[in-house]
Protein backbone atom coordinates (compact mmCIF):
# COMPACT_ATOMS: atom_id res chain seq x y z
CA MET A 1 -27.69 17.28 -11.36
CA SER A 2 -25.50 17.06 -14.49
CA GLU A 3 -25.32 14.03 -16.76
CA LEU A 4 -21.60 13.78 -15.97
CA THR A 5 -22.29 13.52 -12.23
CA LEU A 6 -24.94 10.86 -12.78
CA SER A 7 -22.60 8.95 -15.08
CA THR A 8 -19.79 9.12 -12.51
CA ARG A 9 -22.05 7.89 -9.70
CA ALA A 10 -23.34 5.07 -11.88
CA ALA A 11 -19.77 4.02 -12.70
CA VAL A 12 -18.76 4.07 -9.00
CA THR A 13 -21.86 2.08 -8.00
CA ARG A 14 -21.25 -0.46 -10.75
CA ARG A 15 -17.61 -0.84 -9.70
CA LEU A 16 -18.62 -1.32 -6.05
CA LEU A 17 -21.20 -3.98 -6.93
CA ILE A 18 -18.70 -5.83 -9.11
CA ASP A 19 -16.05 -5.71 -6.36
CA LEU A 20 -18.50 -7.02 -3.74
CA ALA A 21 -19.60 -9.80 -6.09
CA VAL A 22 -15.97 -10.81 -6.60
CA MET A 23 -15.30 -10.74 -2.84
CA THR A 24 -18.43 -12.83 -2.26
CA ALA A 25 -17.16 -15.41 -4.75
CA ILE A 26 -13.76 -15.43 -3.01
CA GLY A 27 -15.51 -15.93 0.33
CA VAL A 28 -17.48 -18.89 -1.06
CA VAL A 29 -14.29 -20.49 -2.42
CA LEU A 30 -12.53 -20.04 0.93
CA ALA A 31 -15.53 -21.55 2.71
CA LEU A 32 -15.36 -24.62 0.47
CA ILE A 33 -11.60 -24.97 0.95
CA GLY A 34 -11.73 -24.32 4.70
CA PRO A 35 -8.30 -22.71 5.28
CA PHE A 36 -6.78 -21.99 8.72
CA GLY A 37 -8.32 -25.21 10.02
CA SER A 38 -11.90 -24.03 9.48
CA PHE A 39 -12.86 -27.08 7.39
CA GLN A 40 -14.03 -28.87 10.54
CA ASP A 41 -16.82 -26.29 10.98
CA PRO A 42 -20.23 -26.84 9.30
CA LEU A 43 -20.50 -25.49 5.74
CA PRO A 44 -23.19 -22.86 6.56
CA VAL A 45 -20.97 -21.49 9.33
CA ARG A 46 -17.96 -21.39 6.99
CA LEU A 47 -19.98 -19.63 4.29
CA LEU A 48 -21.25 -16.98 6.67
CA TRP A 49 -17.84 -16.42 8.23
CA TRP A 50 -15.66 -16.37 5.11
CA VAL A 51 -18.02 -14.20 3.03
CA SER A 52 -18.19 -11.74 5.92
CA LEU A 53 -14.39 -11.76 6.23
CA ALA A 54 -14.05 -11.18 2.47
CA TRP A 55 -16.24 -8.09 2.72
CA VAL A 56 -14.38 -6.81 5.78
CA GLY A 57 -11.07 -7.41 3.99
CA TYR A 58 -12.34 -5.38 1.04
CA ALA A 59 -13.26 -2.51 3.38
CA LEU A 60 -9.81 -2.63 5.03
CA TYR A 61 -7.56 -3.02 1.98
CA SER A 62 -9.36 -1.30 -0.91
CA PRO A 63 -8.80 2.31 0.35
CA ILE A 64 -5.02 1.81 0.67
CA ASP A 65 -4.14 2.74 -2.93
CA TRP A 66 -6.43 5.80 -2.85
CA LEU A 67 -4.95 7.04 0.43
CA ALA A 68 -1.35 6.36 -0.63
CA LYS A 69 -1.68 8.48 -3.78
CA ARG A 70 -3.08 11.43 -1.83
CA LEU A 71 -0.80 11.27 1.20
CA ALA A 72 2.42 10.79 -0.80
CA PRO A 73 2.82 14.48 -1.78
CA VAL A 74 1.70 15.69 1.64
CA LEU A 75 4.21 13.51 3.53
CA ALA A 76 6.89 13.69 0.79
CA LEU A 77 7.07 9.87 0.77
CA PRO A 78 6.86 7.42 -2.13
CA ALA A 79 3.38 6.01 -2.67
CA TRP A 80 4.66 2.41 -2.65
CA ALA A 81 6.05 2.87 0.89
CA LEU A 82 2.68 4.17 2.10
CA ARG A 83 0.98 1.17 0.48
CA VAL A 84 3.28 -1.18 2.43
CA VAL A 85 2.49 0.67 5.68
CA GLY A 86 -1.22 0.52 4.85
CA VAL A 87 -1.06 -3.24 4.33
CA LEU A 88 0.83 -3.80 7.59
CA VAL A 89 -1.63 -1.67 9.57
CA SER A 90 -4.77 -3.14 7.96
CA SER A 91 -3.49 -6.68 8.42
CA ALA A 92 -3.49 -6.36 12.22
CA PRO A 93 -7.29 -6.20 12.69
CA MET A 94 -7.76 -8.60 9.78
CA ALA A 95 -5.47 -11.17 11.43
CA VAL A 96 -7.47 -10.94 14.66
CA LEU A 97 -10.75 -11.47 12.79
CA VAL A 98 -9.40 -14.45 10.85
CA TRP A 99 -8.12 -16.02 14.06
CA MET A 100 -11.51 -15.57 15.70
CA LEU A 101 -13.09 -18.30 13.61
CA PRO A 102 -15.86 -20.03 15.56
CA ARG A 103 -13.53 -22.75 16.78
CA ASP A 104 -10.81 -20.33 18.02
CA ALA A 105 -12.89 -17.43 19.32
CA TRP A 106 -11.67 -17.96 22.89
CA HIS A 107 -8.30 -19.56 22.18
CA TRP A 108 -5.59 -16.92 21.67
CA PRO A 109 -2.25 -17.96 20.13
CA GLY A 110 1.23 -17.55 21.58
CA LEU A 111 3.56 -14.87 20.21
CA ASP A 112 5.32 -17.10 17.65
CA LEU A 113 2.06 -18.47 16.26
CA ALA A 114 0.47 -15.01 16.29
CA LEU A 115 3.35 -13.51 14.25
CA THR A 116 3.23 -16.38 11.76
CA HIS A 117 -0.53 -16.01 11.42
CA TYR A 118 -0.15 -12.22 10.96
CA ALA A 119 2.50 -12.75 8.27
CA TYR A 120 0.18 -15.03 6.28
CA VAL A 121 -2.64 -12.50 6.48
CA ALA A 122 -0.30 -9.62 5.52
CA ILE A 123 0.93 -11.52 2.46
CA ILE A 124 -2.64 -12.16 1.30
CA GLY A 125 -3.58 -8.55 2.04
CA GLY A 126 -0.54 -7.33 0.11
CA LEU A 127 -1.54 -9.39 -2.93
CA ILE A 128 -5.09 -8.01 -2.74
CA THR A 129 -3.73 -4.45 -2.56
CA LEU A 130 -1.38 -5.07 -5.49
CA VAL A 131 -4.20 -6.41 -7.64
CA ASN A 132 -6.44 -3.49 -6.65
CA THR A 133 -3.68 -0.99 -7.55
CA LEU A 134 -3.13 -2.59 -10.96
CA VAL A 135 -6.87 -2.63 -11.67
CA GLN A 136 -7.18 1.04 -10.68
CA ARG A 137 -4.33 2.00 -13.01
CA SER A 138 -5.81 -0.06 -15.82
CA SER A 139 -9.17 1.66 -15.37
CA ALA A 140 -7.53 5.10 -15.34
CA ASN A 141 -5.68 4.35 -18.58
CA THR A 142 -8.76 3.06 -20.39
CA VAL A 143 -9.22 4.94 -23.65
CA GLN A 144 -12.40 7.01 -23.67
CA PRO A 145 -14.77 6.56 -26.63
CA PRO A 146 -14.46 9.20 -29.37
CA PRO A 147 -17.02 12.01 -29.53
CA ALA A 148 -20.08 11.76 -31.74
CA ALA A 149 -19.41 11.87 -35.47
CA THR A 150 -21.37 15.13 -35.77
CA GLU A 151 -18.79 16.92 -33.60
CA PRO A 152 -15.30 17.59 -34.96
CA GLU A 153 -12.53 16.13 -32.82
CA PRO A 154 -10.50 18.89 -31.18
CA GLN A 155 -6.82 18.90 -31.95
CA SER A 156 -4.79 17.88 -28.92
CA ALA A 157 -2.62 20.68 -27.57
CA PRO A 158 1.11 20.02 -27.24
CA GLN A 159 2.18 18.88 -23.79
CA PRO A 160 3.94 21.57 -21.72
CA ARG A 161 7.71 21.10 -21.83
CA PHE A 162 8.02 20.90 -18.05
CA LEU A 163 5.93 17.71 -17.90
CA GLU A 164 8.57 15.97 -20.04
CA ARG A 165 10.99 16.37 -17.13
CA LEU A 166 8.80 14.27 -14.81
CA PRO A 167 8.92 10.46 -14.53
CA ALA A 168 6.07 8.67 -16.27
CA HIS A 169 4.63 7.21 -13.05
CA LEU A 170 3.69 10.71 -11.82
CA GLY A 171 1.32 11.25 -14.73
CA SER A 172 0.55 14.65 -16.25
CA ASP A 173 -1.97 16.08 -13.74
CA LEU A 174 0.30 18.84 -12.39
CA MET A 175 -1.10 20.50 -9.27
CA ALA A 176 1.67 22.75 -7.97
CA LEU A 177 5.35 23.68 -8.04
CA GLU A 178 7.20 24.33 -4.79
CA MET A 179 10.69 25.85 -4.63
CA GLU A 180 13.22 23.97 -2.48
CA ASP A 181 16.69 25.58 -2.54
CA HIS A 182 18.02 25.15 -6.09
CA TYR A 183 15.28 22.64 -6.94
CA VAL A 184 11.62 22.78 -7.85
CA ARG A 185 9.36 20.09 -6.37
CA ALA A 186 6.61 19.18 -8.81
CA HIS A 187 3.41 17.94 -7.14
CA THR A 188 1.05 15.85 -9.27
CA ALA A 189 -2.06 13.89 -8.34
CA LEU A 190 0.12 10.75 -8.12
CA GLY A 191 3.10 12.02 -6.12
CA SER A 192 5.99 14.50 -6.23
CA GLU A 193 9.48 14.79 -7.70
CA LEU A 194 12.41 17.22 -7.36
CA VAL A 195 13.66 18.86 -10.58
CA LEU A 196 16.95 20.78 -10.71
CA MET A 197 15.95 24.16 -12.17
CA ARG A 198 14.86 27.64 -11.13
CA MET A 199 11.21 28.39 -10.42
CA ARG A 200 10.95 31.06 -13.13
CA ASP A 201 12.39 28.66 -15.72
CA ALA A 202 9.91 25.97 -14.68
CA VAL A 203 6.96 28.37 -14.88
CA ALA A 204 8.10 29.43 -18.35
CA GLU A 205 7.67 25.80 -19.49
CA LEU A 206 4.04 25.52 -18.31
CA ASP A 207 2.33 26.90 -21.42
CA GLY A 208 -1.11 25.34 -21.72
CA ILE A 209 -1.70 24.83 -17.98
CA GLU A 210 -3.89 27.46 -16.31
CA GLY A 211 -2.22 28.56 -13.12
CA GLU A 212 -0.56 31.39 -11.20
CA GLN A 213 2.62 31.93 -9.23
CA VAL A 214 0.87 32.80 -5.97
CA HIS A 215 4.06 33.16 -3.95
CA ARG A 216 7.76 33.57 -4.61
CA SER A 217 8.20 29.85 -3.93
CA TRP A 218 4.83 28.49 -5.13
CA TRP A 219 3.03 28.10 -8.46
CA VAL A 220 -0.47 26.54 -8.34
CA ALA A 221 -2.68 25.10 -11.08
CA ARG A 222 -6.15 26.66 -11.15
CA GLY A 223 -7.93 23.29 -11.26
CA ALA A 224 -6.04 21.99 -8.20
CA VAL A 225 -7.49 24.55 -5.76
CA GLY A 226 -10.12 22.99 -3.51
CA ASP A 227 -10.53 25.64 -0.82
CA VAL A 228 -9.20 28.95 0.49
CA GLN A 229 -8.07 29.45 4.09
CA ARG A 230 -7.87 32.92 5.63
CA ASP A 231 -6.19 33.83 8.91
CA GLY A 232 -6.27 37.59 9.27
CA ARG A 233 -4.30 38.98 6.34
CA ASN A 234 -2.72 35.62 5.60
CA VAL A 235 -4.27 33.58 2.79
CA ARG A 236 -3.51 29.96 1.89
CA LEU A 237 -4.82 27.85 -0.98
CA ILE A 238 -5.85 24.32 0.01
CA LEU A 239 -5.22 21.96 -2.89
CA GLU A 240 -7.28 18.88 -3.72
CA ASN A 241 -4.52 16.58 -2.43
CA GLY A 242 -4.31 18.36 0.94
CA LEU A 243 -1.29 20.57 0.23
CA GLU A 244 -1.40 24.17 1.47
CA ALA A 245 0.14 26.88 -0.72
CA PRO A 246 0.74 30.32 0.84
CA VAL A 247 -0.38 33.41 -1.08
CA SER A 248 1.89 36.44 -0.84
CA ARG A 249 0.10 39.62 0.18
CA ALA A 250 1.22 41.28 -3.05
CA ASN A 251 -0.74 38.69 -5.06
CA VAL A 252 -3.98 38.70 -3.05
CA ALA A 253 -5.64 41.54 -4.96
CA ALA A 254 -4.76 40.07 -8.37
CA LEU A 255 -6.07 36.64 -7.40
CA LYS A 256 -9.32 38.19 -6.15
CA GLU A 257 -9.81 39.95 -9.50
CA ARG A 258 -9.33 36.65 -11.33
CA GLY A 259 -11.79 34.82 -9.10
CA TRP A 260 -9.31 32.58 -7.31
CA ILE A 261 -10.17 33.76 -3.80
């Protein structure tokens, strides 16, 4: 197991422990405050219930940002819209759990009260998701420490010209280009965007990114390929974000020689 893998696992474990500690603290604060009429319950019951709800809320809301970024290019939808949908969906089971406090476990609300209760939970869940998204972006933009003094720092290569055409929020991790009529759709790890230009002109501006035009209407970055799917003579590249790029039969032999498939 490489040192990089161990370091990555340690970072993920540390982040998870910190998040759970924060959610535990939030649960303790909520138990002391006693929202949603729970103050009348004994303190030990409130502590058990609200800490448990905080952990369940973390499990429901924390994956939303991760899923939104990966589904956005697949569904051709903006990531923020998928985050809103994720909050609305996750808030439904969360609202039921919050309502089922010990005092209300067998007392279900009417429609008006249920919708109001759901709205409160959705607002809180939306704020949690927003904070989680901002923290994730902050962590991703953290500057890495410089290499050891004994190793010369490599000169940074100039950014490919095509990346300058993309909005900043899509980042620079280009995964694929897909031709759509007179446009090229650029797929990055953070979403997709249409650019008005021909495919061959776009490919000409990708100097510095290892990739191949695997089909008349598809260019794929080498590092974005996660799997290869074969169906008879048809070959498709499965990208890390779930996209499927067809490989023309004329390119199959060349890609085999280069170790792509």
